[in-house]
Full PDB file with SEQRES, HELIX, SHEET, SSBOND, CRYST1, ORIGX, SCALE, CONECT and MASTER records, all heavy atoms in Angstrom:
SEQRES   1 A   32  LEU ALA GLU ARG LEU LEU ALA THR ALA ARG GLN HIS LEU          
SEQRES   2 A   32  LEU SER ALA GLU ALA LEU ALA SER THR ASP ALA HIS LEU          
SEQRES   3 A   32  ALA TYR ALA ALA LEU HIS                                      
HELIX    1 AA1 ALA A    2  LEU A   19  1                                  18    
HELIX    2 AA2 ALA A   24  LEU A   31  1                                   8    
CRYST1    1.000    1.000    1.000  90.00  90.00  90.00 P 1           1          
ORIGX1      1.000000  0.000000  0.000000        0.00000                         
ORIGX2      0.000000  1.000000  0.000000        0.00000                         
ORIGX3      0.000000  0.000000  1.000000        0.00000                         
SCALE1      1.000000  0.000000  0.000000        0.00000                         
SCALE2      0.000000  1.000000  0.000000        0.00000                         
SCALE3      0.000000  0.000000  1.000000        0.00000                         
ATOM      1  N   LEU A   1       3.645   0.779   1.810  1.00  0.00           N  
ATOM      2  CA  LEU A   1       4.769  -0.062   1.590  1.00  0.00           C  
ATOM      3  C   LEU A   1       6.052   0.298   2.540  1.00  0.00           C  
ATOM      4  O   LEU A   1       6.624  -0.524   3.092  1.00  0.00           O  
ATOM      5  CB  LEU A   1       5.272   0.043   0.206  1.00  0.00           C  
ATOM      6  CG  LEU A   1       6.559  -0.725  -0.201  1.00  0.00           C  
ATOM      7  CD1 LEU A   1       6.412  -2.238   0.158  1.00  0.00           C  
ATOM      8  CD2 LEU A   1       6.850  -0.614  -1.645  1.00  0.00           C  
ATOM      9  N   ALA A   2       6.247   1.573   2.766  1.00  0.00           N  
ATOM     10  CA  ALA A   2       7.235   2.083   3.567  1.00  0.00           C  
ATOM     11  C   ALA A   2       7.001   1.579   5.040  1.00  0.00           C  
ATOM     12  O   ALA A   2       7.930   1.125   5.712  1.00  0.00           O  
ATOM     13  CB  ALA A   2       7.353   3.612   3.642  1.00  0.00           C  
ATOM     14  N   GLU A   3       5.702   1.659   5.492  1.00  0.00           N  
ATOM     15  CA  GLU A   3       5.323   1.187   6.781  1.00  0.00           C  
ATOM     16  C   GLU A   3       5.487  -0.303   6.888  1.00  0.00           C  
ATOM     17  O   GLU A   3       6.024  -0.788   7.998  1.00  0.00           O  
ATOM     18  CB  GLU A   3       3.898   1.570   7.121  1.00  0.00           C  
ATOM     19  CG  GLU A   3       3.795   3.162   7.302  1.00  0.00           C  
ATOM     20  CD  GLU A   3       2.397   3.645   7.399  1.00  0.00           C  
ATOM     21  OE1 GLU A   3       1.410   2.844   6.991  1.00  0.00           O  
ATOM     22  OE2 GLU A   3       2.161   4.754   7.763  1.00  0.00           O  
ATOM     23  N   ARG A   4       5.301  -1.087   5.805  1.00  0.00           N  
ATOM     24  CA  ARG A   4       5.446  -2.528   5.839  1.00  0.00           C  
ATOM     25  C   ARG A   4       6.911  -2.889   5.917  1.00  0.00           C  
ATOM     26  O   ARG A   4       7.313  -3.804   6.581  1.00  0.00           O  
ATOM     27  CB  ARG A   4       4.774  -3.223   4.591  1.00  0.00           C  
ATOM     28  CG  ARG A   4       3.366  -3.345   4.681  1.00  0.00           C  
ATOM     29  CD  ARG A   4       2.751  -4.234   3.656  1.00  0.00           C  
ATOM     30  NE  ARG A   4       3.087  -3.915   2.344  1.00  0.00           N  
ATOM     31  CZ  ARG A   4       2.430  -3.135   1.526  1.00  0.00           C  
ATOM     32  NH1 ARG A   4       1.384  -2.528   1.910  1.00  0.00           N  
ATOM     33  NH2 ARG A   4       2.790  -2.895   0.285  1.00  0.00           N  
ATOM     34  N   LEU A   5       7.757  -2.114   5.261  1.00  0.00           N  
ATOM     35  CA  LEU A   5       9.159  -2.326   5.368  1.00  0.00           C  
ATOM     36  C   LEU A   5       9.702  -2.156   6.767  1.00  0.00           C  
ATOM     37  O   LEU A   5      10.511  -2.923   7.271  1.00  0.00           O  
ATOM     38  CB  LEU A   5       9.930  -1.300   4.385  1.00  0.00           C  
ATOM     39  CG  LEU A   5       9.959  -1.756   2.938  1.00  0.00           C  
ATOM     40  CD1 LEU A   5      10.399  -0.474   2.091  1.00  0.00           C  
ATOM     41  CD2 LEU A   5      10.781  -2.956   2.684  1.00  0.00           C  
ATOM     42  N   LEU A   6       9.193  -1.119   7.433  1.00  0.00           N  
ATOM     43  CA  LEU A   6       9.449  -0.890   8.864  1.00  0.00           C  
ATOM     44  C   LEU A   6       8.996  -1.919   9.739  1.00  0.00           C  
ATOM     45  O   LEU A   6       9.669  -2.453  10.650  1.00  0.00           O  
ATOM     46  CB  LEU A   6       9.043   0.463   9.309  1.00  0.00           C  
ATOM     47  CG  LEU A   6       9.857   1.630   8.971  1.00  0.00           C  
ATOM     48  CD1 LEU A   6       9.227   2.866   9.450  1.00  0.00           C  
ATOM     49  CD2 LEU A   6      11.240   1.551   9.686  1.00  0.00           C  
ATOM     50  N   ALA A   7       7.735  -2.411   9.550  1.00  0.00           N  
ATOM     51  CA  ALA A   7       7.236  -3.473  10.314  1.00  0.00           C  
ATOM     52  C   ALA A   7       8.103  -4.804  10.100  1.00  0.00           C  
ATOM     53  O   ALA A   7       8.352  -5.521  11.128  1.00  0.00           O  
ATOM     54  CB  ALA A   7       5.837  -3.751   9.939  1.00  0.00           C  
ATOM     55  N   THR A   8       8.553  -5.051   8.902  1.00  0.00           N  
ATOM     56  CA  THR A   8       9.378  -6.209   8.618  1.00  0.00           C  
ATOM     57  C   THR A   8      10.703  -6.040   9.336  1.00  0.00           C  
ATOM     58  O   THR A   8      11.251  -7.011   9.865  1.00  0.00           O  
ATOM     59  CB  THR A   8       9.542  -6.378   7.131  1.00  0.00           C  
ATOM     60  OG1 THR A   8       8.259  -6.576   6.549  1.00  0.00           O  
ATOM     61  CG2 THR A   8      10.409  -7.636   6.795  1.00  0.00           C  
ATOM     62  N   ALA A   9      11.290  -4.868   9.363  1.00  0.00           N  
ATOM     63  CA  ALA A   9      12.542  -4.555   9.972  1.00  0.00           C  
ATOM     64  C   ALA A   9      12.419  -4.881  11.499  1.00  0.00           C  
ATOM     65  O   ALA A   9      13.198  -5.501  12.109  1.00  0.00           O  
ATOM     66  CB  ALA A   9      12.974  -3.112   9.785  1.00  0.00           C  
ATOM     67  N   ARG A  10      11.244  -4.484  12.099  1.00  0.00           N  
ATOM     68  CA  ARG A  10      11.014  -4.749  13.512  1.00  0.00           C  
ATOM     69  C   ARG A  10      10.963  -6.260  13.748  1.00  0.00           C  
ATOM     70  O   ARG A  10      11.481  -6.774  14.810  1.00  0.00           O  
ATOM     71  CB  ARG A  10       9.725  -4.043  13.992  1.00  0.00           C  
ATOM     72  CG  ARG A  10       9.980  -2.541  14.021  1.00  0.00           C  
ATOM     73  CD  ARG A  10       9.166  -1.990  15.204  1.00  0.00           C  
ATOM     74  NE  ARG A  10       9.347  -0.524  15.201  1.00  0.00           N  
ATOM     75  CZ  ARG A  10      10.386   0.113  15.706  1.00  0.00           C  
ATOM     76  NH1 ARG A  10      11.342  -0.542  16.361  1.00  0.00           N  
ATOM     77  NH2 ARG A  10      10.496   1.401  15.631  1.00  0.00           N  
ATOM     78  N   GLN A  11      10.225  -6.945  12.888  1.00  0.00           N  
ATOM     79  CA  GLN A  11      10.209  -8.393  13.019  1.00  0.00           C  
ATOM     80  C   GLN A  11      11.582  -9.044  12.879  1.00  0.00           C  
ATOM     81  O   GLN A  11      11.961 -10.020  13.674  1.00  0.00           O  
ATOM     82  CB  GLN A  11       9.339  -9.081  11.978  1.00  0.00           C  
ATOM     83  CG  GLN A  11       9.100 -10.531  12.075  1.00  0.00           C  
ATOM     84  CD  GLN A  11       8.545 -10.901  13.468  1.00  0.00           C  
ATOM     85  OE1 GLN A  11       7.500 -10.339  13.890  1.00  0.00           O  
ATOM     86  NE2 GLN A  11       9.196 -11.823  14.168  1.00  0.00           N  
ATOM     87  N   HIS A  12      12.416  -8.607  11.951  1.00  0.00           N  
ATOM     88  CA  HIS A  12      13.830  -8.987  11.887  1.00  0.00           C  
ATOM     89  C   HIS A  12      14.624  -8.840  13.173  1.00  0.00           C  
ATOM     90  O   HIS A  12      15.345  -9.708  13.590  1.00  0.00           O  
ATOM     91  CB  HIS A  12      14.527  -8.310  10.808  1.00  0.00           C  
ATOM     92  CG  HIS A  12      14.058  -8.777   9.368  1.00  0.00           C  
ATOM     93  ND1 HIS A  12      13.419  -9.975   9.151  1.00  0.00           N  
ATOM     94  CD2 HIS A  12      14.220  -8.188   8.072  1.00  0.00           C  
ATOM     95  CE1 HIS A  12      13.161 -10.071   7.808  1.00  0.00           C  
ATOM     96  NE2 HIS A  12      13.599  -9.001   7.201  1.00  0.00           N  
ATOM     97  N   LEU A  13      14.337  -7.771  13.903  1.00  0.00           N  
ATOM     98  CA  LEU A  13      14.964  -7.473  15.140  1.00  0.00           C  
ATOM     99  C   LEU A  13      14.643  -8.525  16.189  1.00  0.00           C  
ATOM    100  O   LEU A  13      15.457  -9.051  16.938  1.00  0.00           O  
ATOM    101  CB  LEU A  13      14.687  -6.117  15.660  1.00  0.00           C  
ATOM    102  CG  LEU A  13      15.180  -4.905  14.841  1.00  0.00           C  
ATOM    103  CD1 LEU A  13      14.691  -3.608  15.398  1.00  0.00           C  
ATOM    104  CD2 LEU A  13      16.744  -4.902  14.749  1.00  0.00           C  
ATOM    105  N   LEU A  14      13.346  -8.889  16.237  1.00  0.00           N  
ATOM    106  CA  LEU A  14      12.746  -9.893  17.151  1.00  0.00           C  
ATOM    107  C   LEU A  14      13.543 -11.234  16.767  1.00  0.00           C  
ATOM    108  O   LEU A  14      13.849 -12.028  17.644  1.00  0.00           O  
ATOM    109  CB  LEU A  14      11.292  -9.958  17.129  1.00  0.00           C  
ATOM    110  CG  LEU A  14      10.550  -8.782  17.567  1.00  0.00           C  
ATOM    111  CD1 LEU A  14       9.108  -8.902  17.428  1.00  0.00           C  
ATOM    112  CD2 LEU A  14      10.904  -8.479  19.110  1.00  0.00           C  
ATOM    113  N   SER A  15      13.537 -11.538  15.497  1.00  0.00           N  
ATOM    114  CA  SER A  15      14.110 -12.788  15.080  1.00  0.00           C  
ATOM    115  C   SER A  15      15.551 -12.931  15.482  1.00  0.00           C  
ATOM    116  O   SER A  15      16.054 -13.933  15.789  1.00  0.00           O  
ATOM    117  CB  SER A  15      13.938 -12.962  13.558  1.00  0.00           C  
ATOM    118  OG  SER A  15      12.582 -13.047  13.229  1.00  0.00           O  
ATOM    119  N   ALA A  16      16.271 -11.770  15.255  1.00  0.00           N  
ATOM    120  CA  ALA A  16      17.744 -11.731  15.609  1.00  0.00           C  
ATOM    121  C   ALA A  16      17.897 -12.033  17.123  1.00  0.00           C  
ATOM    122  O   ALA A  16      18.803 -12.871  17.405  1.00  0.00           O  
ATOM    123  CB  ALA A  16      18.333 -10.352  15.193  1.00  0.00           C  
ATOM    124  N   GLU A  17      17.159 -11.411  17.918  1.00  0.00           N  
ATOM    125  CA  GLU A  17      17.286 -11.639  19.328  1.00  0.00           C  
ATOM    126  C   GLU A  17      16.923 -13.091  19.691  1.00  0.00           C  
ATOM    127  O   GLU A  17      17.666 -13.715  20.423  1.00  0.00           O  
ATOM    128  CB  GLU A  17      16.262 -10.712  20.098  1.00  0.00           C  
ATOM    129  CG  GLU A  17      16.474 -10.739  21.595  1.00  0.00           C  
ATOM    130  CD  GLU A  17      15.739  -9.676  22.311  1.00  0.00           C  
ATOM    131  OE1 GLU A  17      14.773  -9.103  21.702  1.00  0.00           O  
ATOM    132  OE2 GLU A  17      16.176  -9.400  23.437  1.00  0.00           O  
ATOM    133  N   ALA A  18      15.934 -13.671  19.016  1.00  0.00           N  
ATOM    134  CA  ALA A  18      15.526 -15.119  19.343  1.00  0.00           C  
ATOM    135  C   ALA A  18      16.599 -16.008  18.848  1.00  0.00           C  
ATOM    136  O   ALA A  18      16.826 -17.143  19.464  1.00  0.00           O  
ATOM    137  CB  ALA A  18      14.124 -15.332  18.720  1.00  0.00           C  
ATOM    138  N   LEU A  19      17.246 -15.736  17.714  1.00  0.00           N  
ATOM    139  CA  LEU A  19      18.170 -16.678  17.105  1.00  0.00           C  
ATOM    140  C   LEU A  19      19.664 -16.492  17.586  1.00  0.00           C  
ATOM    141  O   LEU A  19      20.547 -17.308  17.310  1.00  0.00           O  
ATOM    142  CB  LEU A  19      18.102 -16.459  15.601  1.00  0.00           C  
ATOM    143  CG  LEU A  19      16.928 -16.958  14.845  1.00  0.00           C  
ATOM    144  CD1 LEU A  19      16.897 -16.466  13.326  1.00  0.00           C  
ATOM    145  CD2 LEU A  19      16.804 -18.415  14.916  1.00  0.00           C  
ATOM    146  N   ALA A  20      19.872 -15.467  18.364  1.00  0.00           N  
ATOM    147  CA  ALA A  20      21.252 -15.131  18.732  1.00  0.00           C  
ATOM    148  C   ALA A  20      22.048 -16.329  19.342  1.00  0.00           C  
ATOM    149  O   ALA A  20      23.200 -16.562  18.961  1.00  0.00           O  
ATOM    150  CB  ALA A  20      21.322 -13.923  19.691  1.00  0.00           C  
ATOM    151  N   SER A  21      21.370 -17.054  20.190  1.00  0.00           N  
ATOM    152  CA  SER A  21      22.018 -18.105  20.878  1.00  0.00           C  
ATOM    153  C   SER A  21      22.124 -19.373  20.058  1.00  0.00           C  
ATOM    154  O   SER A  21      22.968 -20.278  20.320  1.00  0.00           O  
ATOM    155  CB  SER A  21      21.423 -18.394  22.226  1.00  0.00           C  
ATOM    156  OG  SER A  21      20.099 -18.851  22.080  1.00  0.00           O  
ATOM    157  N   THR A  22      21.267 -19.614  19.178  1.00  0.00           N  
ATOM    158  CA  THR A  22      21.135 -20.871  18.386  1.00  0.00           C  
ATOM    159  C   THR A  22      21.778 -20.779  16.922  1.00  0.00           C  
ATOM    160  O   THR A  22      22.167 -21.732  16.436  1.00  0.00           O  
ATOM    161  CB  THR A  22      19.763 -21.356  18.312  1.00  0.00           C  
ATOM    162  OG1 THR A  22      18.963 -20.450  17.599  1.00  0.00           O  
ATOM    163  CG2 THR A  22      19.256 -21.748  19.636  1.00  0.00           C  
ATOM    164  N   ASP A  23      21.652 -19.617  16.334  1.00  0.00           N  
ATOM    165  CA  ASP A  23      22.300 -19.453  14.986  1.00  0.00           C  
ATOM    166  C   ASP A  23      22.701 -18.023  14.811  1.00  0.00           C  
ATOM    167  O   ASP A  23      21.904 -17.219  14.324  1.00  0.00           O  
ATOM    168  CB  ASP A  23      21.186 -19.853  13.893  1.00  0.00           C  
ATOM    169  CG  ASP A  23      21.702 -19.912  12.522  1.00  0.00           C  
ATOM    170  OD1 ASP A  23      22.819 -19.410  12.282  1.00  0.00           O  
ATOM    171  OD2 ASP A  23      21.075 -20.498  11.696  1.00  0.00           O  
ATOM    172  N   ALA A  24      23.863 -17.714  15.343  1.00  0.00           N  
ATOM    173  CA  ALA A  24      24.292 -16.350  15.264  1.00  0.00           C  
ATOM    174  C   ALA A  24      24.427 -15.742  13.894  1.00  0.00           C  
ATOM    175  O   ALA A  24      24.231 -14.539  13.685  1.00  0.00           O  
ATOM    176  CB  ALA A  24      25.626 -16.254  16.067  1.00  0.00           C  
ATOM    177  N   HIS A  25      24.823 -16.580  12.981  1.00  0.00           N  
ATOM    178  CA  HIS A  25      25.011 -16.065  11.556  1.00  0.00           C  
ATOM    179  C   HIS A  25      23.589 -15.543  11.050  1.00  0.00           C  
ATOM    180  O   HIS A  25      23.477 -14.538  10.313  1.00  0.00           O  
ATOM    181  CB  HIS A  25      25.600 -17.082  10.643  1.00  0.00           C  
ATOM    182  CG  HIS A  25      27.057 -17.191  10.963  1.00  0.00           C  
ATOM    183  ND1 HIS A  25      28.019 -16.456  10.374  1.00  0.00           N  
ATOM    184  CD2 HIS A  25      27.746 -18.006  11.756  1.00  0.00           C  
ATOM    185  CE1 HIS A  25      29.232 -16.797  10.854  1.00  0.00           C  
ATOM    186  NE2 HIS A  25      29.047 -17.834  11.585  1.00  0.00           N  
ATOM    187  N   LEU A  26      22.647 -16.410  11.166  1.00  0.00           N  
ATOM    188  CA  LEU A  26      21.241 -16.045  10.692  1.00  0.00           C  
ATOM    189  C   LEU A  26      20.734 -14.828  11.493  1.00  0.00           C  
ATOM    190  O   LEU A  26      20.168 -14.006  10.920  1.00  0.00           O  
ATOM    191  CB  LEU A  26      20.328 -17.250  10.843  1.00  0.00           C  
ATOM    192  CG  LEU A  26      18.989 -17.114  10.126  1.00  0.00           C  
ATOM    193  CD1 LEU A  26      19.104 -16.691   8.691  1.00  0.00           C  
ATOM    194  CD2 LEU A  26      18.157 -18.326  10.280  1.00  0.00           C  
ATOM    195  N   ALA A  27      21.035 -14.808  12.781  1.00  0.00           N  
ATOM    196  CA  ALA A  27      20.626 -13.661  13.551  1.00  0.00           C  
ATOM    197  C   ALA A  27      21.236 -12.355  13.021  1.00  0.00           C  
ATOM    198  O   ALA A  27      20.685 -11.284  13.045  1.00  0.00           O  
ATOM    199  CB  ALA A  27      20.900 -13.898  15.043  1.00  0.00           C  
ATOM    200  N   TYR A  28      22.558 -12.479  12.702  1.00  0.00           N  
ATOM    201  CA  TYR A  28      23.319 -11.265  12.188  1.00  0.00           C  
ATOM    202  C   TYR A  28      22.779 -10.813  10.811  1.00  0.00           C  
ATOM    203  O   TYR A  28      22.597  -9.705  10.605  1.00  0.00           O  
ATOM    204  CB  TYR A  28      24.768 -11.567  12.171  1.00  0.00           C  
ATOM    205  CG  TYR A  28      25.566 -10.283  12.535  1.00  0.00           C  
ATOM    206  CD1 TYR A  28      25.837  -9.975  13.793  1.00  0.00           C  
ATOM    207  CD2 TYR A  28      25.973  -9.453  11.534  1.00  0.00           C  
ATOM    208  CE1 TYR A  28      26.563  -8.855  14.154  1.00  0.00           C  
ATOM    209  CE2 TYR A  28      26.645  -8.285  11.816  1.00  0.00           C  
ATOM    210  CZ  TYR A  28      26.876  -8.065  13.160  1.00  0.00           C  
ATOM    211  OH  TYR A  28      27.654  -6.889  13.438  1.00  0.00           O  
ATOM    212  N   ALA A  29      22.398 -11.766  10.031  1.00  0.00           N  
ATOM    213  CA  ALA A  29      21.783 -11.400   8.761  1.00  0.00           C  
ATOM    214  C   ALA A  29      20.493 -10.746   8.949  1.00  0.00           C  
ATOM    215  O   ALA A  29      20.153  -9.749   8.235  1.00  0.00           O  
ATOM    216  CB  ALA A  29      21.565 -12.766   7.905  1.00  0.00           C  
ATOM    217  N   ALA A  30      19.668 -11.056  10.030  1.00  0.00           N  
ATOM    218  CA  ALA A  30      18.521 -10.431  10.300  1.00  0.00           C  
ATOM    219  C   ALA A  30      18.650  -8.997  10.753  1.00  0.00           C  
ATOM    220  O   ALA A  30      17.971  -8.110  10.419  1.00  0.00           O  
ATOM    221  CB  ALA A  30      17.707 -11.188  11.387  1.00  0.00           C  
ATOM    222  N   LEU A  31      19.774  -8.795  11.639  1.00  0.00           N  
ATOM    223  CA  LEU A  31      20.089  -7.466  11.994  1.00  0.00           C  
ATOM    224  C   LEU A  31      20.400  -6.576  10.747  1.00  0.00           C  
ATOM    225  O   LEU A  31      19.956  -5.418  10.592  1.00  0.00           O  
ATOM    226  CB  LEU A  31      21.400  -7.411  12.905  1.00  0.00           C  
ATOM    227  CG  LEU A  31      21.312  -7.927  14.334  1.00  0.00           C  
ATOM    228  CD1 LEU A  31      22.679  -7.830  15.019  1.00  0.00           C  
ATOM    229  CD2 LEU A  31      20.252  -7.177  15.016  1.00  0.00           C  
ATOM    230  N   HIS A  32      21.294  -7.101   9.881  1.00  0.00           N  
ATOM    231  CA  HIS A  32      21.657  -6.338   8.638  1.00  0.00           C  
ATOM    232  C   HIS A  32      20.338  -6.057   7.850  1.00  0.00           C  
ATOM    233  O   HIS A  32      20.154  -4.906   7.370  1.00  0.00           O  
ATOM    234  CB  HIS A  32      22.707  -7.055   7.863  1.00  0.00           C  
ATOM    235  CG  HIS A  32      22.982  -6.422   6.639  1.00  0.00           C  
ATOM    236  ND1 HIS A  32      22.498  -6.842   5.349  1.00  0.00           N  
ATOM    237  CD2 HIS A  32      23.717  -5.341   6.284  1.00  0.00           C  
ATOM    238  CE1 HIS A  32      23.022  -6.033   4.447  1.00  0.00           C  
ATOM    239  NE2 HIS A  32      23.758  -5.026   4.985  1.00  0.00           N  
TER     240      HIS A  32                                                      
MASTER        0    0    0    2    0    0    0    6  239    1    0    3          
END                                                                             
C-alpha cells in the first residue's frame, strides 16, 4: 500500500506537469 501511494504520487507529478498550461489549479492540486 505504501508503494502504491508513492506510485500514485509520481503519477500526480506527471499529471501536474501535463496540466500546468491548461488547468493550473488542477495541476496545483495534483502537486499537493
